[in-house]
């Protein structure tokens, strides 16, 4: 199917395969005029003289609970020995603090997973959600080797 004008001039008529740019240029110029008019309105703001305050913003650092677990399953709450039952009571008391403290767990690499699961489950049951593990990075290789 050929596209072109309605008056074919004999057998030598050809199809027009050019895009008419005039409507595209018109649309572009209309958009340009709209943006030229609206741009100053968007940048205009109301000037307000704000008061100067010398107070520093209050930053509250969240408390952190250091919980150490040895390979034999013994627990230490901020370097004080504690049992698993006593740990649940301390978690419940700490969950009432605002903001809630973060729990940093330092577990020996020989610690059984069951002990870790019990500790994390007790923390979750008490309503504590910020639990993290403290690890030691591996030693860096000597430079140039």
N, C-alpha and C. Protein backbone atom coordinates (compact mmCIF):
# COMPACT_ATOMS: atom_id res chain seq x y z
N UNK A 1 0.84 -1.16 0.00
CA UNK A 1 0.00 0.00 0.00
C UNK A 1 0.89 1.23 0.00
N UNK A 2 0.69 2.11 -0.91
CA UNK A 2 1.53 3.29 -1.07
C UNK A 2 0.90 4.47 -0.36
N UNK A 3 1.75 5.29 0.26
CA UNK A 3 1.28 6.50 0.91
C UNK A 3 1.74 7.69 0.09
N UNK A 4 0.95 8.67 0.02
CA UNK A 4 1.35 9.84 -0.75
C UNK A 4 0.14 10.71 -1.00
N UNK A 5 0.22 11.51 -2.04
CA UNK A 5 -0.89 12.40 -2.36
C UNK A 5 -1.93 11.67 -3.17
N UNK A 6 -3.11 12.29 -3.31
CA UNK A 6 -4.19 11.66 -4.04
C UNK A 6 -4.07 11.81 -5.55
N UNK A 7 -3.27 12.72 -5.99
CA UNK A 7 -3.15 12.88 -7.44
C UNK A 7 -1.85 12.23 -7.92
N UNK A 8 -1.94 11.02 -8.35
CA UNK A 8 -0.79 10.33 -8.92
C UNK A 8 -0.58 10.83 -10.33
N UNK A 9 0.62 11.20 -10.64
CA UNK A 9 0.93 11.73 -11.95
C UNK A 9 1.43 10.61 -12.83
N UNK A 10 0.53 9.74 -13.21
CA UNK A 10 0.91 8.64 -14.08
C UNK A 10 1.63 7.56 -13.31
N UNK A 11 2.42 6.77 -14.03
CA UNK A 11 3.13 5.65 -13.43
C UNK A 11 4.36 6.09 -12.68
N UNK A 12 4.80 7.33 -12.85
CA UNK A 12 6.02 7.80 -12.21
C UNK A 12 5.81 8.36 -10.83
N UNK A 13 4.58 8.28 -10.27
CA UNK A 13 4.31 8.81 -8.93
C UNK A 13 5.08 8.05 -7.87
N UNK A 14 5.58 8.73 -6.88
CA UNK A 14 6.34 8.06 -5.82
C UNK A 14 5.71 8.38 -4.45
N UNK A 15 6.05 7.57 -3.48
CA UNK A 15 5.50 7.77 -2.13
C UNK A 15 6.35 8.79 -1.38
N UNK A 16 5.70 9.52 -0.48
CA UNK A 16 6.40 10.50 0.33
C UNK A 16 6.82 9.80 1.62
N UNK A 17 8.11 9.76 1.85
CA UNK A 17 8.61 9.07 3.04
C UNK A 17 9.30 10.03 4.00
N UNK A 18 8.89 11.27 4.05
CA UNK A 18 9.46 12.25 4.95
C UNK A 18 8.50 12.53 6.10
N UNK A 19 9.06 12.85 7.25
CA UNK A 19 8.25 13.21 8.40
C UNK A 19 7.97 14.71 8.33
N UNK A 20 6.73 15.06 8.53
CA UNK A 20 6.36 16.47 8.53
C UNK A 20 6.77 17.06 9.89
N UNK A 21 7.76 17.94 9.89
CA UNK A 21 8.34 18.47 11.13
C UNK A 21 7.58 19.68 11.67
N UNK A 22 6.73 20.29 10.90
CA UNK A 22 6.06 21.52 11.32
C UNK A 22 5.22 21.30 12.59
N UNK A 23 4.38 20.25 12.69
CA UNK A 23 3.62 20.07 13.94
C UNK A 23 4.52 19.79 15.15
N UNK A 24 5.62 19.09 14.95
CA UNK A 24 6.54 18.81 16.05
C UNK A 24 7.20 20.09 16.55
N UNK A 25 7.57 20.96 15.62
CA UNK A 25 8.19 22.22 16.01
C UNK A 25 7.18 23.10 16.73
N UNK A 26 5.93 23.09 16.28
CA UNK A 26 4.89 23.89 16.95
C UNK A 26 4.69 23.43 18.39
N UNK A 27 4.62 22.14 18.59
CA UNK A 27 4.45 21.61 19.95
C UNK A 27 5.65 21.97 20.82
N UNK A 28 6.84 21.86 20.25
CA UNK A 28 8.04 22.19 21.01
C UNK A 28 8.05 23.66 21.41
N UNK A 29 7.66 24.55 20.53
CA UNK A 29 7.65 25.97 20.85
C UNK A 29 6.59 26.30 21.90
N UNK A 30 5.44 25.65 21.84
CA UNK A 30 4.41 25.86 22.86
C UNK A 30 4.91 25.40 24.23
N UNK A 31 5.55 24.25 24.30
CA UNK A 31 6.11 23.77 25.56
C UNK A 31 7.20 24.71 26.07
N UNK A 32 8.02 25.23 25.18
CA UNK A 32 9.07 26.16 25.58
C UNK A 32 8.48 27.42 26.18
N UNK A 33 7.44 27.95 25.59
CA UNK A 33 6.79 29.15 26.12
C UNK A 33 6.17 28.85 27.49
N UNK A 34 5.56 27.70 27.64
CA UNK A 34 4.96 27.33 28.94
C UNK A 34 6.04 27.25 30.01
N UNK A 35 7.18 26.61 29.70
CA UNK A 35 8.26 26.50 30.68
C UNK A 35 8.88 27.86 30.99
N UNK A 36 8.98 28.73 30.01
CA UNK A 36 9.52 30.07 30.26
C UNK A 36 8.62 30.85 31.20
N UNK A 37 7.32 30.69 31.07
CA UNK A 37 6.38 31.41 31.93
C UNK A 37 6.33 30.83 33.34
N UNK A 38 6.35 29.48 33.47
CA UNK A 38 6.18 28.87 34.79
C UNK A 38 7.47 28.76 35.59
N UNK A 39 8.64 28.79 34.97
CA UNK A 39 9.90 28.62 35.71
C UNK A 39 10.10 29.70 36.76
N UNK A 40 9.88 30.99 36.48
CA UNK A 40 10.07 31.98 37.55
C UNK A 40 9.08 31.81 38.70
N UNK A 41 7.91 31.29 38.44
CA UNK A 41 6.94 31.10 39.52
C UNK A 41 7.38 30.01 40.48
N UNK A 42 8.06 28.98 39.96
CA UNK A 42 8.51 27.89 40.82
C UNK A 42 9.69 28.30 41.68
N UNK A 43 10.54 29.20 41.18
CA UNK A 43 11.72 29.61 41.91
C UNK A 43 11.42 30.71 42.92
N UNK A 44 10.28 31.34 42.83
CA UNK A 44 9.95 32.44 43.74
C UNK A 44 9.59 31.87 45.10
N UNK A 45 10.16 32.44 46.14
CA UNK A 45 9.86 31.98 47.49
C UNK A 45 9.64 33.19 48.39
N UNK A 46 9.03 32.94 49.50
CA UNK A 46 8.75 34.01 50.47
C UNK A 46 9.94 34.12 51.40
N UNK A 47 10.45 35.30 51.58
CA UNK A 47 11.59 35.51 52.47
C UNK A 47 11.09 35.65 53.90
N UNK A 48 11.70 34.86 54.77
CA UNK A 48 11.35 34.89 56.18
C UNK A 48 12.64 35.03 56.97
N UNK A 49 12.66 35.93 57.91
CA UNK A 49 13.81 36.08 58.79
C UNK A 49 13.68 35.09 59.94
N UNK A 50 14.50 34.06 59.92
CA UNK A 50 14.45 33.03 60.95
C UNK A 50 15.29 33.45 62.15
N UNK A 51 14.86 33.07 63.34
CA UNK A 51 15.65 33.44 64.53
C UNK A 51 16.93 32.61 64.61
N UNK A 52 17.94 33.20 65.18
CA UNK A 52 19.23 32.52 65.37
C UNK A 52 19.25 31.88 66.75
N UNK A 53 19.58 30.59 66.80
CA UNK A 53 19.61 29.84 68.05
C UNK A 53 21.00 29.27 68.23
N UNK A 54 21.51 29.38 69.43
CA UNK A 54 22.86 28.88 69.69
C UNK A 54 22.87 27.48 70.28
N UNK A 55 21.72 26.87 70.49
CA UNK A 55 21.66 25.54 71.09
C UNK A 55 21.99 24.48 70.05
N UNK A 56 22.68 23.46 70.46
CA UNK A 56 23.01 22.35 69.58
C UNK A 56 21.85 21.37 69.56
N UNK A 57 21.63 20.69 68.45
CA UNK A 57 20.54 19.71 68.42
C UNK A 57 20.82 18.56 69.39
N UNK A 58 19.76 18.11 70.01
CA UNK A 58 19.89 17.02 70.98
C UNK A 58 19.99 15.69 70.26
N UNK A 59 21.07 14.99 70.51
CA UNK A 59 21.25 13.66 69.93
C UNK A 59 21.30 12.66 71.06
N UNK A 60 20.42 11.71 70.96
CA UNK A 60 20.37 10.68 71.99
C UNK A 60 21.03 9.43 71.43
N UNK A 61 22.11 9.04 72.01
CA UNK A 61 22.80 7.83 71.58
C UNK A 61 22.09 6.62 72.20
N UNK A 62 21.74 5.64 71.39
CA UNK A 62 21.07 4.47 71.96
C UNK A 62 22.05 3.66 72.82
N UNK A 63 21.51 3.14 73.91
CA UNK A 63 22.31 2.28 74.77
C UNK A 63 22.63 0.99 74.02
N UNK A 64 23.73 0.41 74.34
CA UNK A 64 24.11 -0.86 73.74
C UNK A 64 24.37 -1.87 74.85
N UNK A 65 23.85 -3.06 74.67
CA UNK A 65 24.05 -4.15 75.61
C UNK A 65 25.07 -5.08 74.99
N UNK A 66 26.18 -5.28 75.69
CA UNK A 66 27.23 -6.17 75.22
C UNK A 66 26.98 -7.55 75.81
N UNK A 67 26.59 -8.49 74.96
CA UNK A 67 26.27 -9.84 75.41
C UNK A 67 27.32 -10.79 74.84
N UNK A 68 28.11 -11.38 75.74
CA UNK A 68 29.17 -12.30 75.32
C UNK A 68 28.73 -13.73 75.61
N UNK A 69 29.01 -14.62 74.66
CA UNK A 69 28.67 -16.04 74.82
C UNK A 69 29.95 -16.84 74.58
N UNK A 70 30.35 -17.58 75.60
CA UNK A 70 31.55 -18.41 75.48
C UNK A 70 31.20 -19.73 74.79
N UNK A 71 32.23 -20.45 74.43
CA UNK A 71 32.04 -21.73 73.73
C UNK A 71 31.32 -22.77 74.56
N UNK A 72 31.43 -22.69 75.89
CA UNK A 72 30.75 -23.67 76.74
C UNK A 72 29.30 -23.27 77.03
N UNK A 73 28.83 -22.13 76.50
CA UNK A 73 27.45 -21.71 76.69
C UNK A 73 27.23 -20.71 77.80
N UNK A 74 28.29 -20.30 78.49
CA UNK A 74 28.13 -19.33 79.56
C UNK A 74 27.88 -17.94 78.95
N UNK A 75 26.99 -17.17 79.61
CA UNK A 75 26.56 -15.87 79.11
C UNK A 75 27.07 -14.76 80.01
N UNK A 76 27.40 -13.61 79.41
CA UNK A 76 27.89 -12.45 80.15
C UNK A 76 27.18 -11.21 79.64
N UNK A 77 26.45 -10.53 80.54
CA UNK A 77 25.72 -9.30 80.23
C UNK A 77 26.60 -8.13 80.68
N UNK A 78 27.16 -7.39 79.75
CA UNK A 78 28.10 -6.29 80.05
C UNK A 78 29.17 -6.76 81.03
N UNK A 79 29.80 -7.87 80.71
CA UNK A 79 30.90 -8.49 81.47
C UNK A 79 30.49 -9.04 82.83
N UNK A 80 29.18 -9.17 83.09
CA UNK A 80 28.69 -9.77 84.34
C UNK A 80 28.04 -11.10 83.98
N UNK A 81 28.40 -12.21 84.67
CA UNK A 81 27.80 -13.50 84.34
C UNK A 81 26.30 -13.50 84.60
N UNK A 82 25.56 -14.18 83.73
CA UNK A 82 24.11 -14.24 83.83
C UNK A 82 23.66 -15.60 83.30
N UNK A 83 22.54 -16.10 83.84
CA UNK A 83 21.98 -17.36 83.34
C UNK A 83 20.97 -17.06 82.23
N UNK A 84 20.55 -18.11 81.54
CA UNK A 84 19.59 -17.91 80.46
C UNK A 84 18.25 -17.41 80.99
N UNK A 85 17.81 -17.88 82.18
CA UNK A 85 16.57 -17.40 82.78
C UNK A 85 16.70 -15.93 83.21
N UNK A 86 17.83 -15.59 83.79
CA UNK A 86 18.08 -14.20 84.18
C UNK A 86 18.20 -13.29 82.97
N UNK A 87 18.67 -13.85 81.86
CA UNK A 87 18.80 -13.08 80.63
C UNK A 87 17.43 -12.66 80.11
N UNK A 88 16.46 -13.56 80.17
CA UNK A 88 15.11 -13.22 79.71
C UNK A 88 14.51 -12.09 80.55
N UNK A 89 14.76 -12.11 81.87
CA UNK A 89 14.26 -11.04 82.74
C UNK A 89 14.93 -9.70 82.40
N UNK A 90 16.22 -9.74 82.13
CA UNK A 90 16.93 -8.50 81.78
C UNK A 90 16.47 -7.97 80.42
N UNK A 91 16.21 -8.87 79.48
CA UNK A 91 15.69 -8.44 78.17
C UNK A 91 14.33 -7.76 78.34
N UNK A 92 13.47 -8.32 79.17
CA UNK A 92 12.14 -7.74 79.39
C UNK A 92 12.26 -6.36 80.02
N UNK A 93 13.20 -6.18 80.97
CA UNK A 93 13.38 -4.88 81.60
C UNK A 93 13.97 -3.87 80.60
N UNK A 94 14.88 -4.33 79.74
CA UNK A 94 15.50 -3.42 78.77
C UNK A 94 14.54 -3.04 77.65
N UNK A 95 13.54 -3.88 77.38
CA UNK A 95 12.59 -3.58 76.31
C UNK A 95 11.70 -2.40 76.67
N UNK A 96 11.60 -2.08 77.96
CA UNK A 96 10.77 -0.96 78.40
C UNK A 96 11.47 0.38 78.26
N UNK A 97 12.80 0.36 78.06
CA UNK A 97 13.55 1.61 77.93
C UNK A 97 13.21 2.29 76.61
N UNK A 98 13.26 3.63 76.64
CA UNK A 98 13.04 4.42 75.43
C UNK A 98 14.27 5.26 75.18
N UNK A 99 14.94 5.19 74.11
CA UNK A 99 14.80 4.24 73.02
C UNK A 99 15.34 2.88 73.43
N UNK A 100 14.87 1.88 72.73
CA UNK A 100 15.30 0.52 73.07
C UNK A 100 16.79 0.35 72.78
N UNK A 101 17.49 -0.37 73.64
CA UNK A 101 18.92 -0.55 73.43
C UNK A 101 19.21 -1.55 72.30
N UNK A 102 20.41 -1.42 71.77
CA UNK A 102 20.88 -2.38 70.78
C UNK A 102 21.59 -3.51 71.51
N UNK A 103 21.46 -4.72 70.99
CA UNK A 103 22.14 -5.87 71.59
C UNK A 103 23.30 -6.24 70.68
N UNK A 104 24.50 -6.20 71.22
CA UNK A 104 25.70 -6.60 70.48
C UNK A 104 26.14 -7.97 71.00
N UNK A 105 26.01 -8.98 70.17
CA UNK A 105 26.35 -10.35 70.58
C UNK A 105 27.76 -10.67 70.11
N UNK A 106 28.61 -11.02 71.07
CA UNK A 106 29.96 -11.51 70.77
C UNK A 106 30.00 -12.97 71.17
N UNK A 107 29.96 -13.86 70.18
CA UNK A 107 29.93 -15.29 70.47
C UNK A 107 31.24 -15.92 70.02
N UNK A 108 31.71 -16.84 70.85
CA UNK A 108 32.90 -17.61 70.51
C UNK A 108 32.60 -18.46 69.28
N UNK A 109 33.60 -18.73 68.47
CA UNK A 109 33.34 -19.50 67.25
C UNK A 109 32.98 -20.95 67.56
N UNK A 110 33.21 -21.40 68.76
CA UNK A 110 32.83 -22.76 69.16
C UNK A 110 31.45 -22.81 69.81
N UNK A 111 30.75 -21.68 69.87
CA UNK A 111 29.43 -21.64 70.50
C UNK A 111 28.43 -22.42 69.66
N UNK A 112 27.60 -23.20 70.35
CA UNK A 112 26.58 -23.99 69.65
C UNK A 112 25.47 -23.08 69.16
N UNK A 113 24.94 -23.42 68.01
CA UNK A 113 23.87 -22.63 67.40
C UNK A 113 22.63 -22.62 68.29
N UNK A 114 22.39 -23.70 69.02
CA UNK A 114 21.21 -23.78 69.87
C UNK A 114 21.24 -22.68 70.94
N UNK A 115 22.41 -22.38 71.48
CA UNK A 115 22.53 -21.34 72.49
C UNK A 115 22.22 -19.98 71.87
N UNK A 116 22.77 -19.72 70.68
CA UNK A 116 22.50 -18.46 69.99
C UNK A 116 21.01 -18.32 69.67
N UNK A 117 20.39 -19.40 69.25
CA UNK A 117 18.96 -19.36 68.92
C UNK A 117 18.13 -19.06 70.16
N UNK A 118 18.50 -19.64 71.31
CA UNK A 118 17.77 -19.38 72.55
C UNK A 118 17.92 -17.92 72.97
N UNK A 119 19.12 -17.37 72.85
CA UNK A 119 19.36 -15.97 73.23
C UNK A 119 18.58 -15.04 72.32
N UNK A 120 18.64 -15.27 71.02
CA UNK A 120 17.93 -14.40 70.08
C UNK A 120 16.42 -14.54 70.23
N UNK A 121 15.95 -15.74 70.51
CA UNK A 121 14.52 -15.94 70.74
C UNK A 121 14.04 -15.23 71.99
N UNK A 122 14.85 -15.24 73.04
CA UNK A 122 14.48 -14.54 74.27
C UNK A 122 14.43 -13.03 74.03
N UNK A 123 15.34 -12.52 73.23
CA UNK A 123 15.34 -11.09 72.93
C UNK A 123 14.11 -10.72 72.10
N UNK A 124 13.76 -11.53 71.15
CA UNK A 124 12.59 -11.24 70.31
C UNK A 124 11.29 -11.35 71.11
N UNK A 125 11.21 -12.34 72.02
CA UNK A 125 10.01 -12.47 72.85
C UNK A 125 9.83 -11.27 73.77
N UNK A 126 10.95 -10.69 74.20
CA UNK A 126 10.88 -9.51 75.07
C UNK A 126 10.53 -8.25 74.29
N UNK A 127 10.65 -8.31 72.96
CA UNK A 127 10.30 -7.15 72.14
C UNK A 127 11.48 -6.35 71.67
N UNK A 128 12.68 -6.86 71.85
CA UNK A 128 13.88 -6.17 71.37
C UNK A 128 14.13 -6.55 69.91
N UNK A 129 14.38 -5.57 69.06
CA UNK A 129 14.53 -5.86 67.64
C UNK A 129 15.89 -5.56 67.07
N UNK A 130 16.70 -4.77 67.76
CA UNK A 130 18.01 -4.39 67.23
C UNK A 130 19.07 -5.32 67.79
N UNK A 131 19.36 -6.37 67.01
CA UNK A 131 20.33 -7.37 67.43
C UNK A 131 21.44 -7.42 66.40
N UNK A 132 22.68 -7.34 66.84
CA UNK A 132 23.80 -7.39 65.91
C UNK A 132 24.88 -8.31 66.43
N UNK A 133 25.71 -8.80 65.51
CA UNK A 133 26.81 -9.68 65.86
C UNK A 133 28.13 -8.94 65.70
N UNK A 134 29.00 -9.07 66.67
CA UNK A 134 30.33 -8.47 66.62
C UNK A 134 31.30 -9.54 66.15
N UNK A 135 32.05 -9.22 65.10
CA UNK A 135 33.04 -10.15 64.58
C UNK A 135 34.40 -9.48 64.51
N UNK A 136 35.42 -10.26 64.30
CA UNK A 136 36.77 -9.75 64.13
C UNK A 136 37.17 -9.94 62.67
N UNK A 137 37.63 -8.90 62.00
CA UNK A 137 38.04 -9.07 60.61
C UNK A 137 39.29 -9.93 60.52
N UNK A 138 39.44 -10.63 59.39
CA UNK A 138 40.64 -11.46 59.22
C UNK A 138 41.89 -10.57 59.10
N UNK A 139 43.05 -11.11 59.46
CA UNK A 139 44.27 -10.29 59.35
C UNK A 139 44.56 -9.96 57.89
N UNK A 140 45.06 -8.75 57.68
CA UNK A 140 45.36 -8.31 56.32
C UNK A 140 46.63 -8.99 55.83
N UNK A 141 46.63 -9.35 54.54
CA UNK A 141 47.82 -9.95 53.94
C UNK A 141 48.90 -8.86 53.82
N UNK A 142 50.14 -9.27 53.88
CA UNK A 142 51.24 -8.31 53.77
C UNK A 142 51.21 -7.64 52.41
N UNK A 143 51.48 -6.38 52.38
CA UNK A 143 51.43 -5.63 51.11
C UNK A 143 52.53 -6.11 50.17
N UNK A 144 52.17 -6.22 48.91
CA UNK A 144 53.14 -6.61 47.88
C UNK A 144 53.27 -8.09 47.69
N UNK A 145 52.53 -8.90 48.41
CA UNK A 145 52.63 -10.35 48.23
C UNK A 145 51.47 -10.86 47.46
